[in-house]
């Protein structure tokens, strides 16, 4: 260890070999972990408050949509006079046409564009439509039969 005097201050300096590339990367990774509240590592006050604040903000953002879905479910069940169940799901394949001015390029690079429209019928006569870019298997569609359609509002594993 050597002592350097500069600007009126005594500074201790260690003369060692320069740091390796992997050491620098790990120091950078640790620095980024300290900045990023989502990164793995020890929990501290900043990370805790960011997690709690983010969770609370997400809950507040989702609450109005949940209330509307719940109100729609109650209203539909009241009008139907009982619980609503999915009776059938039909898949229809459609192939929309491209506009003439860009038809050649899209057809050449991407091929025909296929979409799937699902028609869901309930025991009360309600009909719902949804669309997807890929077909779902018959087993997945059968999993929805007999369930309340409002149970699947916001479901990330739903059709499509």
Protein backbone atom coordinates (compact mmCIF):
# COMPACT_ATOMS: atom_id res chain seq x y z
CA UNK A 1 0.00 0.00 0.00
CA UNK A 2 1.35 3.41 -0.93
CA UNK A 3 0.33 6.77 0.41
CA UNK A 4 -0.26 9.61 -2.02
CA UNK A 5 -0.62 13.24 -1.11
CA UNK A 6 -2.75 15.34 -3.40
CA UNK A 7 -4.94 18.37 -2.85
CA UNK A 8 -3.87 18.44 0.77
CA UNK A 9 -5.29 14.95 1.46
CA UNK A 10 -3.56 11.72 2.27
CA UNK A 11 -4.91 8.87 0.11
CA UNK A 12 -4.10 5.16 0.47
CA UNK A 13 -3.60 3.44 -2.88
CA UNK A 14 -3.13 -0.27 -3.42
CA UNK A 15 -0.98 -1.23 -6.37
CA UNK A 16 -2.33 -4.44 -7.83
CA UNK A 17 -2.80 -6.03 -11.20
CA UNK A 18 -5.57 -4.58 -13.33
CA UNK A 19 -8.97 -6.17 -12.87
CA UNK A 20 -10.00 -8.88 -15.24
CA UNK A 21 -12.90 -8.60 -17.66
CA UNK A 22 -15.00 -11.05 -15.63
CA UNK A 23 -14.46 -9.09 -12.45
CA UNK A 24 -15.58 -5.89 -14.15
CA UNK A 25 -18.67 -7.62 -15.47
CA UNK A 26 -19.57 -8.92 -12.02
CA UNK A 27 -19.11 -5.47 -10.53
CA UNK A 28 -21.33 -4.03 -13.23
CA UNK A 29 -23.90 -6.76 -12.63
CA UNK A 30 -23.91 -6.02 -8.91
CA UNK A 31 -24.31 -2.31 -9.60
CA UNK A 32 -27.25 -2.98 -11.93
CA UNK A 33 -28.80 -5.31 -9.34
CA UNK A 34 -28.70 -2.49 -6.82
CA UNK A 35 -30.44 -0.16 -9.28
CA UNK A 36 -33.05 -2.61 -10.53
CA UNK A 37 -35.74 -3.41 -7.97
CA UNK A 38 -36.82 -6.53 -9.89
CA UNK A 39 -33.38 -8.14 -9.99
CA UNK A 40 -32.49 -10.99 -7.65
CA UNK A 41 -30.53 -10.18 -4.55
CA UNK A 42 -30.87 -9.07 -0.97
CA UNK A 43 -34.03 -7.20 -0.11
CA UNK A 44 -33.62 -3.65 1.03
CA UNK A 45 -35.96 -0.79 1.81
CA UNK A 46 -35.97 0.55 -1.77
CA UNK A 47 -36.75 -2.85 -3.25
CA UNK A 48 -39.46 -3.54 -0.66
CA UNK A 49 -41.18 -0.19 -1.21
CA UNK A 50 -40.95 -0.52 -4.99
CA UNK A 51 -42.50 -4.00 -4.85
CA UNK A 52 -45.31 -2.96 -2.52
CA UNK A 53 -45.96 0.23 -4.49
CA UNK A 54 -46.00 -1.60 -7.81
CA UNK A 55 -48.35 -4.26 -6.50
CA UNK A 56 -50.72 -1.66 -5.08
CA UNK A 57 -50.70 0.31 -8.34
CA UNK A 58 -51.45 -2.84 -10.34
CA UNK A 59 -54.33 -3.75 -8.02
CA UNK A 60 -55.82 -0.26 -8.31
CA UNK A 61 -55.47 -0.36 -12.11
CA UNK A 62 -57.22 -3.75 -12.41
CA UNK A 63 -60.00 -3.07 -9.90
CA UNK A 64 -62.34 -1.07 -12.23
CA UNK A 65 -62.18 -3.76 -14.93
CA UNK A 66 -62.92 -6.45 -12.35
CA UNK A 67 -65.89 -4.48 -11.00
CA UNK A 68 -67.33 -4.05 -14.51
CA UNK A 69 -66.94 -7.76 -15.27
CA UNK A 70 -68.57 -8.69 -11.97
CA UNK A 71 -71.46 -6.29 -12.60
CA UNK A 72 -71.94 -7.69 -16.11
CA UNK A 73 -72.01 -11.22 -14.71
CA UNK A 74 -74.65 -10.32 -12.10
CA UNK A 75 -76.76 -8.48 -14.68
CA UNK A 76 -76.60 -11.36 -17.18
CA UNK A 77 -77.46 -13.96 -14.55
CA UNK A 78 -80.36 -11.84 -13.28
CA UNK A 79 -81.76 -11.46 -16.80
CA UNK A 80 -81.29 -15.16 -17.56
CA UNK A 81 -82.82 -16.29 -14.29
CA UNK A 82 -79.89 -18.49 -13.33
CA UNK A 83 -76.30 -19.40 -13.95
CA UNK A 84 -74.88 -19.04 -17.46
CA UNK A 85 -72.94 -21.94 -18.97
CA UNK A 86 -71.02 -22.35 -22.21
CA UNK A 87 -72.83 -24.88 -24.39
CA UNK A 88 -70.70 -24.93 -27.55
CA UNK A 89 -67.65 -23.34 -29.17
CA UNK A 90 -67.32 -23.29 -32.94
CA UNK A 91 -64.10 -22.29 -34.70
CA UNK A 92 -64.30 -20.58 -38.09
CA UNK A 93 -61.19 -20.07 -40.21
CA UNK A 94 -61.16 -16.85 -42.21
CA UNK A 95 -58.65 -15.48 -44.66
CA UNK A 96 -59.02 -11.73 -45.11
CA UNK A 97 -57.82 -10.24 -48.37
CA UNK A 98 -54.97 -7.78 -48.53
CA UNK A 99 -55.49 -4.31 -50.02
CA UNK A 100 -54.58 -4.17 -53.70
CA UNK A 101 -51.76 -1.65 -53.27
CA UNK A 102 -49.79 -3.91 -50.92
CA UNK A 103 -51.15 -7.34 -51.82
CA UNK A 104 -48.08 -8.49 -53.76
CA UNK A 105 -45.55 -7.64 -51.02
CA UNK A 106 -47.56 -9.12 -48.15
CA UNK A 107 -48.47 -12.25 -50.09
CA UNK A 108 -44.86 -12.68 -51.22
CA UNK A 109 -43.17 -12.22 -47.82
CA UNK A 110 -45.82 -13.41 -45.35
CA UNK A 111 -48.12 -15.64 -47.37
CA UNK A 112 -51.85 -15.86 -46.82
CA UNK A 113 -53.10 -14.38 -43.57
CA UNK A 114 -55.32 -16.76 -41.60
CA UNK A 115 -57.36 -15.83 -38.55
CA UNK A 116 -59.72 -17.90 -36.47
CA UNK A 117 -63.04 -16.60 -35.15
CA UNK A 118 -64.59 -18.46 -32.24
CA UNK A 119 -68.36 -18.43 -31.76
CA UNK A 120 -69.34 -19.24 -28.17
CA UNK A 121 -72.98 -20.09 -27.40
CA UNK A 122 -74.45 -20.25 -23.91
CA UNK A 123 -77.47 -22.01 -22.43
CA UNK A 124 -79.33 -18.68 -22.22
CA UNK A 125 -78.95 -17.77 -25.88
CA UNK A 126 -76.04 -15.38 -25.48
CA UNK A 127 -73.50 -15.56 -28.29
CA UNK A 128 -69.93 -14.33 -27.93
CA UNK A 129 -67.29 -13.86 -30.60
CA UNK A 130 -63.53 -13.88 -30.24
CA UNK A 131 -60.59 -14.10 -32.59
CA UNK A 132 -57.15 -15.60 -32.63
CA UNK A 133 -54.22 -16.10 -34.94
CA UNK A 134 -53.92 -19.83 -34.31
CA UNK A 135 -56.39 -22.67 -33.85
CA UNK A 136 -56.93 -24.22 -30.44
CA UNK A 137 -57.20 -27.96 -30.00
CA UNK A 138 -60.52 -29.66 -29.41
CA UNK A 139 -59.39 -30.61 -25.89
CA UNK A 140 -58.79 -26.96 -24.97
CA UNK A 141 -62.18 -25.94 -26.34
CA UNK A 142 -63.92 -28.76 -24.46
CA UNK A 143 -62.39 -27.44 -21.23
CA UNK A 144 -64.60 -24.35 -21.50
CA UNK A 145 -67.85 -26.29 -22.03
CA UNK A 146 -70.06 -26.18 -18.93
CA UNK A 147 -68.24 -23.24 -17.32
CA UNK A 148 -69.45 -19.69 -16.81
CA UNK A 149 -68.03 -17.40 -19.53
CA UNK A 150 -67.48 -14.64 -16.97
CA UNK A 151 -65.02 -16.88 -15.13
CA UNK A 152 -62.64 -16.43 -18.06
CA UNK A 153 -62.59 -12.61 -18.21
CA UNK A 154 -58.94 -11.58 -18.14
CA UNK A 155 -57.79 -15.20 -18.24
CA UNK A 156 -54.38 -15.30 -19.92
CA UNK A 157 -54.83 -18.96 -20.85
CA UNK A 158 -58.09 -18.35 -22.72
CA UNK A 159 -58.57 -19.09 -26.40
CA UNK A 160 -56.09 -17.31 -28.62
